[in-house]
Structure formats: structure tokens, C-alpha cells
């Protein structure tokens, strides 16, 4: 049961860290902007 208590917070931290690292690359921001624009265009 103790292991389960640590798995979810570690997974959340890992996802947030990877997301923050992805936003540091300008190409990712451009691609996300183009995908968002394509939804409404």
C-alpha cells in the first residue's frame, strides 16, 4: 500500500517535468499553436 501512495505523485511530477522541458523548445510551441489554430480554421 505504501508503494501505491508514491506512484501517483511520482507520475504527476514526471509528467509535469516532461511538459516543462517540452515548452522550452520553440518548435513545440509553434506546433501546438498551429494545431490549436487548425481546430478553428
C-alpha atoms as a PDB file:
ATOM      1  CA  UNK A   1       0.000   0.000   0.000  1.00  0.00           C
ATOM      2  CA  UNK A   2       2.915   2.343   0.650  1.00  0.00           C
ATOM      3  CA  UNK A   3       4.181   1.853  -2.893  1.00  0.00           C
ATOM      4  CA  UNK A   4       0.841   2.894  -4.328  1.00  0.00           C
ATOM      5  CA  UNK A   5       0.981   6.078  -2.263  1.00  0.00           C
ATOM      6  CA  UNK A   6       4.194   7.115  -4.046  1.00  0.00           C
ATOM      7  CA  UNK A   7       3.410   6.005  -7.591  1.00  0.00           C
ATOM      8  CA  UNK A   8       0.749   8.609  -8.392  1.00  0.00           C
ATOM      9  CA  UNK A   9       2.719  11.650  -7.114  1.00  0.00           C
ATOM     10  CA  UNK A  10       5.843  10.441  -8.920  1.00  0.00           C
ATOM     11  CA  UNK A  11       3.889  10.009 -12.146  1.00  0.00           C
ATOM     12  CA  UNK A  12       2.420  13.512 -11.802  1.00  0.00           C
ATOM     13  CA  UNK A  13       5.841  15.031 -11.168  1.00  0.00           C
ATOM     14  CA  UNK A  14       7.298  13.154 -14.142  1.00  0.00           C
ATOM     15  CA  UNK A  15       4.548  14.354 -16.488  1.00  0.00           C
ATOM     16  CA  UNK A  16       4.859  17.953 -15.288  1.00  0.00           C
ATOM     17  CA  UNK A  17       8.646  17.858 -15.653  1.00  0.00           C
ATOM     18  CA  UNK A  18       8.450  16.483 -19.187  1.00  0.00           C
ATOM     19  CA  UNK A  19       5.843  19.089 -20.079  1.00  0.00           C
ATOM     20  CA  UNK A  20       8.016  21.909 -18.731  1.00  0.00           C
ATOM     21  CA  UNK A  21      11.005  20.611 -20.684  1.00  0.00           C
ATOM     22  CA  UNK A  22       8.932  20.364 -23.868  1.00  0.00           C
ATOM     23  CA  UNK A  23       7.838  24.001 -23.561  1.00  0.00           C
ATOM     24  CA  UNK A  24      11.471  25.105 -23.523  1.00  0.00           C
ATOM     25  CA  UNK A  25      11.771  24.172 -27.195  1.00  0.00           C
ATOM     26  CA  UNK A  26      10.315  26.811 -29.546  1.00  0.00           C
ATOM     27  CA  UNK A  27       9.367  24.183 -32.143  1.00  0.00           C
ATOM     28  CA  UNK A  28       6.967  22.581 -29.669  1.00  0.00           C
ATOM     29  CA  UNK A  29       5.265  25.915 -29.007  1.00  0.00           C
ATOM     30  CA  UNK A  30       4.925  26.570 -32.752  1.00  0.00           C
ATOM     31  CA  UNK A  31       3.497  23.121 -33.376  1.00  0.00           C
ATOM     32  CA  UNK A  32       0.971  23.448 -30.546  1.00  0.00           C
ATOM     33  CA  UNK A  33      -0.077  26.868 -31.834  1.00  0.00           C
ATOM     34  CA  UNK A  34      -0.569  25.523 -35.348  1.00  0.00           C
ATOM     35  CA  UNK A  35      -2.623  22.590 -34.063  1.00  0.00           C
ATOM     36  CA  UNK A  36      -4.797  24.899 -31.997  1.00  0.00           C
ATOM     37  CA  UNK A  37      -5.269  27.244 -34.968  1.00  0.00           C
ATOM     38  CA  UNK A  38      -6.194  24.292 -37.195  1.00  0.00           C
ATOM     39  CA  UNK A  39      -9.072  23.421 -34.841  1.00  0.00           C
ATOM     40  CA  UNK A  40     -10.733  26.775 -35.504  1.00  0.00           C
ATOM     41  CA  UNK A  41      -9.597  27.395 -39.059  1.00  0.00           C
END
